[in-house]
């Protein structure tokens, strides 16, 4: 049974679904915010587990903002690329524009309308598959805005992305935390580049370690029997948030 509240919002034609926690209406506390790709499906599907973690004091109360994509293949990809199958549309490469909208329009709206903790250390971004890819891209484009990243089976197979990561200079990562997950069985039935899902995720993890992340700032888990499945992303999502926010006193809601 849901204890928090979902509210639909529209910002410049963009549909949002904002979840506020149980105690939101009870006072003047401010809360960390997690922006979730694909309309927040991982929140909706995993809500019982998320609220259970809150009730048992293993996760602070959070505001979730589910952002509905207009063109998923366009908005979640960093540059244009050919489709992986002849009957599929090409990838549009509009992630920079999408993230500019998120940072310049959506986040200011949410921070103005809701009692958020707007600082980097209290702001997360999350997604699965291509949604995980664009969430990591946000780390490179807006490291001053987002401090916490949940990457569930991020599409590291995407053409040129690992090479893009390699070209990034080592950065000061002490203000960022990244959770990565991939299922051990992902890509096993693929014949295209997606068959390298696990090995490429491992390579991305190694690149982040080489660029300055330490184990207390970067967690990588492999699901023993995991496939590339949205339901599995939702099942893993609470664990990701617990690691990102649950062990930190600076993420607990504070008074305005």
Protein backbone atom coordinates (compact mmCIF):
# COMPACT_ATOMS: atom_id res chain seq x y z
CA UNK A 1 0.00 0.00 0.00
CA UNK A 2 1.48 3.32 -1.07
CA UNK A 3 2.07 5.73 1.79
CA UNK A 4 3.57 8.66 -0.12
CA UNK A 5 1.91 10.73 -2.83
CA UNK A 6 2.31 10.92 -6.61
CA UNK A 7 1.54 14.22 -8.29
CA UNK A 8 1.44 14.76 -12.06
CA UNK A 9 3.15 17.92 -13.29
CA UNK A 10 3.76 19.47 -16.71
CA UNK A 11 6.68 21.81 -17.37
CA UNK A 12 7.01 23.37 -20.82
CA UNK A 13 5.07 20.45 -22.25
CA UNK A 14 7.18 17.84 -20.41
CA UNK A 15 5.22 15.35 -18.28
CA UNK A 16 6.56 14.65 -14.81
CA UNK A 17 5.45 12.38 -11.98
CA UNK A 18 6.57 13.70 -8.60
CA UNK A 19 6.55 11.44 -5.56
CA UNK A 20 6.64 13.07 -2.14
CA UNK A 21 7.27 10.96 0.99
CA UNK A 22 4.91 10.37 3.88
CA UNK A 23 6.12 13.15 6.15
CA UNK A 24 6.25 15.76 3.39
CA UNK A 25 2.87 17.26 4.40
CA UNK A 26 3.63 17.15 8.12
CA UNK A 27 6.14 19.99 8.43
CA UNK A 28 8.72 22.17 6.75
CA UNK A 29 11.55 19.68 6.19
CA UNK A 30 13.44 19.62 2.92
CA UNK A 31 14.32 16.40 1.14
CA UNK A 32 16.91 15.03 -1.30
CA UNK A 33 15.67 14.55 -4.87
CA UNK A 34 16.28 11.79 -7.38
CA UNK A 35 15.45 12.43 -11.04
CA UNK A 36 14.43 9.15 -12.69
CA UNK A 37 14.29 8.42 -16.42
CA UNK A 38 11.41 6.69 -18.24
CA UNK A 39 8.70 8.41 -16.26
CA UNK A 40 9.93 7.00 -12.97
CA UNK A 41 8.87 3.42 -13.74
CA UNK A 42 11.55 2.04 -11.43
CA UNK A 43 10.02 4.05 -8.58
CA UNK A 44 6.47 2.94 -9.33
CA UNK A 45 7.41 -0.73 -9.66
CA UNK A 46 9.69 -0.75 -6.63
CA UNK A 47 7.68 1.54 -4.38
CA UNK A 48 6.76 -1.05 -1.75
CA UNK A 49 10.42 -1.95 -1.25
CA UNK A 50 11.45 1.72 -1.19
CA UNK A 51 8.86 2.66 1.41
CA UNK A 52 9.77 -0.39 3.48
CA UNK A 53 13.40 0.78 3.60
CA UNK A 54 12.21 4.19 4.75
CA UNK A 55 9.91 2.73 7.42
CA UNK A 56 12.76 0.58 8.76
CA UNK A 57 15.14 3.57 8.84
CA UNK A 58 17.50 2.17 6.21
CA UNK A 59 16.77 4.90 3.68
CA UNK A 60 15.95 8.57 4.25
CA UNK A 61 12.77 9.95 2.76
CA UNK A 62 13.32 11.12 -0.80
CA UNK A 63 11.45 13.07 -3.43
CA UNK A 64 11.39 11.28 -6.79
CA UNK A 65 10.84 13.06 -10.09
CA UNK A 66 9.94 10.72 -12.94
CA UNK A 67 10.58 12.35 -16.30
CA UNK A 68 8.59 11.02 -19.25
CA UNK A 69 10.64 10.94 -22.46
CA UNK A 70 9.30 12.42 -25.68
CA UNK A 71 11.70 10.45 -27.88
CA UNK A 72 13.65 7.91 -25.87
CA UNK A 73 16.12 6.95 -28.61
CA UNK A 74 16.81 10.60 -29.24
CA UNK A 75 16.91 12.04 -25.75
CA UNK A 76 18.90 9.29 -24.05
CA UNK A 77 21.76 9.05 -26.57
CA UNK A 78 24.76 11.42 -26.55
CA UNK A 79 25.37 11.56 -30.33
CA UNK A 80 23.70 10.09 -33.42
CA UNK A 81 24.30 6.43 -34.26
CA UNK A 82 22.82 3.87 -36.59
CA UNK A 83 20.14 1.53 -35.31
CA UNK A 84 21.17 -1.97 -34.24
CA UNK A 85 18.49 -3.58 -36.43
CA UNK A 86 17.17 -2.60 -39.87
CA UNK A 87 13.58 -2.31 -38.64
CA UNK A 88 14.47 0.07 -35.81
CA UNK A 89 14.92 3.87 -35.91
CA UNK A 90 18.39 5.36 -35.67
CA UNK A 91 19.56 6.91 -32.41
CA UNK A 92 19.09 10.67 -32.41
CA UNK A 93 21.90 11.87 -30.16
CA UNK A 94 19.90 14.55 -28.34
CA UNK A 95 21.04 13.84 -24.77
CA UNK A 96 22.83 17.17 -24.35
CA UNK A 97 19.63 19.05 -25.19
CA UNK A 98 17.60 16.84 -22.89
CA UNK A 99 19.99 17.31 -19.97
CA UNK A 100 20.05 21.05 -20.62
CA UNK A 101 16.26 21.02 -20.24
CA UNK A 102 16.52 18.95 -17.07
CA UNK A 103 19.07 21.26 -15.48
CA UNK A 104 17.74 24.57 -16.81
CA UNK A 105 13.97 24.05 -16.69
CA UNK A 106 12.84 20.91 -14.85
CA UNK A 107 15.11 21.12 -11.81
CA UNK A 108 14.42 24.84 -11.16
CA UNK A 109 10.68 24.11 -11.38
CA UNK A 110 10.94 21.24 -8.89
CA UNK A 111 13.18 23.20 -6.51
CA UNK A 112 10.76 26.14 -6.67
CA UNK A 113 7.58 24.16 -6.18
CA UNK A 114 8.71 21.50 -3.70
CA UNK A 115 10.76 21.57 -0.51
CA UNK A 116 13.95 20.09 -1.90
CA UNK A 117 17.57 20.05 -0.85
CA UNK A 118 18.87 21.47 -4.14
CA UNK A 119 22.60 21.01 -3.63
CA UNK A 120 24.70 18.51 -5.55
CA UNK A 121 25.22 16.20 -2.59
CA UNK A 122 21.44 15.78 -2.24
CA UNK A 123 20.57 15.48 -5.93
CA UNK A 124 20.52 12.14 -7.72
CA UNK A 125 19.80 10.93 -11.23
CA UNK A 126 18.89 7.36 -12.18
CA UNK A 127 17.91 5.19 -15.10
CA UNK A 128 18.03 1.78 -16.69
CA UNK A 129 19.47 0.78 -20.06
CA UNK A 130 19.69 3.92 -22.22
CA UNK A 131 18.27 5.75 -19.20
CA UNK A 132 21.37 4.68 -17.29
CA UNK A 133 23.59 5.86 -20.13
CA UNK A 134 22.13 9.37 -20.16
CA UNK A 135 22.34 9.47 -16.34
CA UNK A 136 26.09 8.89 -16.49
CA UNK A 137 26.39 11.41 -19.32
CA UNK A 138 24.93 13.92 -16.84
CA UNK A 139 27.97 13.30 -14.64
CA UNK A 140 30.27 14.49 -17.40
CA UNK A 141 28.15 17.46 -18.50
CA UNK A 142 26.83 18.66 -15.13
CA UNK A 143 29.05 17.40 -12.30
CA UNK A 144 28.21 20.52 -10.30
CA UNK A 145 24.47 19.67 -10.35
CA UNK A 146 24.26 15.91 -9.72
CA UNK A 147 26.11 14.10 -6.96
CA UNK A 148 24.51 10.64 -6.94
CA UNK A 149 24.06 8.29 -9.90
CA UNK A 150 22.16 4.98 -10.14
CA UNK A 151 23.06 3.18 -13.36
CA UNK A 152 20.99 0.02 -13.84
CA UNK A 153 22.32 -1.96 -16.80
CA UNK A 154 23.47 1.22 -18.53
CA UNK A 155 23.95 0.83 -22.30
CA UNK A 156 27.74 0.95 -22.39
CA UNK A 157 27.56 -0.84 -25.74
CA UNK A 158 26.56 2.49 -27.29
CA UNK A 159 28.91 3.44 -30.12
CA UNK A 160 31.83 5.54 -28.90
CA UNK A 161 30.76 5.93 -25.28
CA UNK A 162 33.61 4.01 -23.66
CA UNK A 163 36.03 5.94 -25.85
CA UNK A 164 34.35 9.14 -24.70
CA UNK A 165 34.89 8.09 -21.09
CA UNK A 166 38.55 7.36 -21.80
CA UNK A 167 39.08 10.90 -23.10
CA UNK A 168 37.72 12.53 -19.96
CA UNK A 169 40.39 13.89 -17.63
CA UNK A 170 40.62 12.50 -14.14
CA UNK A 171 38.33 14.65 -12.02
CA UNK A 172 37.75 15.42 -8.38
CA UNK A 173 35.26 12.66 -7.58
CA UNK A 174 34.99 13.13 -3.82
CA UNK A 175 31.61 14.82 -4.22
CA UNK A 176 30.09 12.10 -6.40
CA UNK A 177 28.81 8.58 -5.78
CA UNK A 178 27.99 6.11 -8.53
CA UNK A 179 26.15 2.81 -8.23
CA UNK A 180 26.47 0.43 -11.20
CA UNK A 181 24.62 -2.81 -11.84
CA UNK A 182 24.55 -5.33 -14.68
CA UNK A 183 23.02 -8.78 -14.94
CA UNK A 184 25.43 -11.63 -15.61
CA UNK A 185 23.20 -13.00 -18.38
CA UNK A 186 22.67 -9.75 -20.26
CA UNK A 187 23.45 -9.96 -23.93
CA UNK A 188 23.75 -13.75 -24.02
CA UNK A 189 21.14 -14.05 -26.76
CA UNK A 190 22.34 -11.06 -28.77
CA UNK A 191 24.41 -11.22 -31.93
CA UNK A 192 25.16 -7.50 -32.19
CA UNK A 193 27.32 -5.32 -29.95
CA UNK A 194 24.85 -5.78 -27.08
CA UNK A 195 26.34 -9.24 -26.55
CA UNK A 196 29.24 -7.38 -24.90
CA UNK A 197 26.99 -5.81 -22.27
CA UNK A 198 28.76 -7.34 -19.27
CA UNK A 199 32.33 -6.91 -20.49
CA UNK A 200 31.72 -3.29 -21.49
CA UNK A 201 30.14 -2.50 -18.13
CA UNK A 202 33.18 -3.96 -16.42
CA UNK A 203 35.39 -1.80 -18.62
CA UNK A 204 33.38 1.32 -17.73
CA UNK A 205 33.79 0.48 -14.05
CA UNK A 206 37.54 0.14 -14.50
CA UNK A 207 37.73 3.48 -16.33
CA UNK A 208 35.98 5.24 -13.45
CA UNK A 209 38.38 3.68 -10.96
CA UNK A 210 41.31 4.78 -13.10
CA UNK A 211 39.91 8.31 -13.15
CA UNK A 212 39.90 8.68 -9.40
CA UNK A 213 36.85 6.97 -7.96
CA UNK A 214 37.44 4.91 -4.85
CA UNK A 215 35.39 1.95 -3.65
CA UNK A 216 33.53 4.06 -1.11
CA UNK A 217 32.35 6.29 -3.99
CA UNK A 218 31.78 3.67 -6.67
CA UNK A 219 29.85 0.44 -6.14
CA UNK A 220 29.53 -2.21 -8.84
CA UNK A 221 27.28 -5.25 -8.55
CA UNK A 222 26.62 -8.11 -10.96
CA UNK A 223 23.34 -10.00 -10.69
CA UNK A 224 24.12 -13.70 -10.95
CA UNK A 225 21.04 -14.61 -13.00
CA UNK A 226 20.10 -11.13 -14.18
CA UNK A 227 18.86 -10.42 -17.69
CA UNK A 228 18.14 -7.05 -19.34
CA UNK A 229 14.70 -6.55 -17.86
CA UNK A 230 12.91 -3.49 -16.49
CA UNK A 231 11.43 -5.47 -13.62
CA UNK A 232 14.92 -6.49 -12.51
CA UNK A 233 16.02 -2.86 -12.68
CA UNK A 234 13.15 -1.96 -10.34
CA UNK A 235 14.11 -4.76 -7.94
CA UNK A 236 17.71 -3.54 -7.82
CA UNK A 237 16.81 0.17 -7.57
CA UNK A 238 16.11 0.20 -3.79
CA UNK A 239 19.54 -1.31 -3.11
CA UNK A 240 21.13 1.35 -5.29
CA UNK A 241 19.42 4.15 -3.37
CA UNK A 242 20.22 2.57 -0.03
CA UNK A 243 23.91 2.61 -0.93
CA UNK A 244 23.79 6.13 -2.39
CA UNK A 245 21.73 7.78 0.36
CA UNK A 246 21.09 5.35 3.21
CA UNK A 247 24.54 5.43 4.79
CA UNK A 248 24.88 9.21 4.77
CA UNK A 249 23.77 11.61 7.44
CA UNK A 250 24.01 14.59 5.03
CA UNK A 251 21.14 13.22 2.91
CA UNK A 252 18.52 13.22 5.64
CA UNK A 253 15.80 15.82 5.20
CA UNK A 254 16.39 19.05 7.07
CA UNK A 255 14.26 22.00 8.04
CA UNK A 256 13.79 24.87 5.61
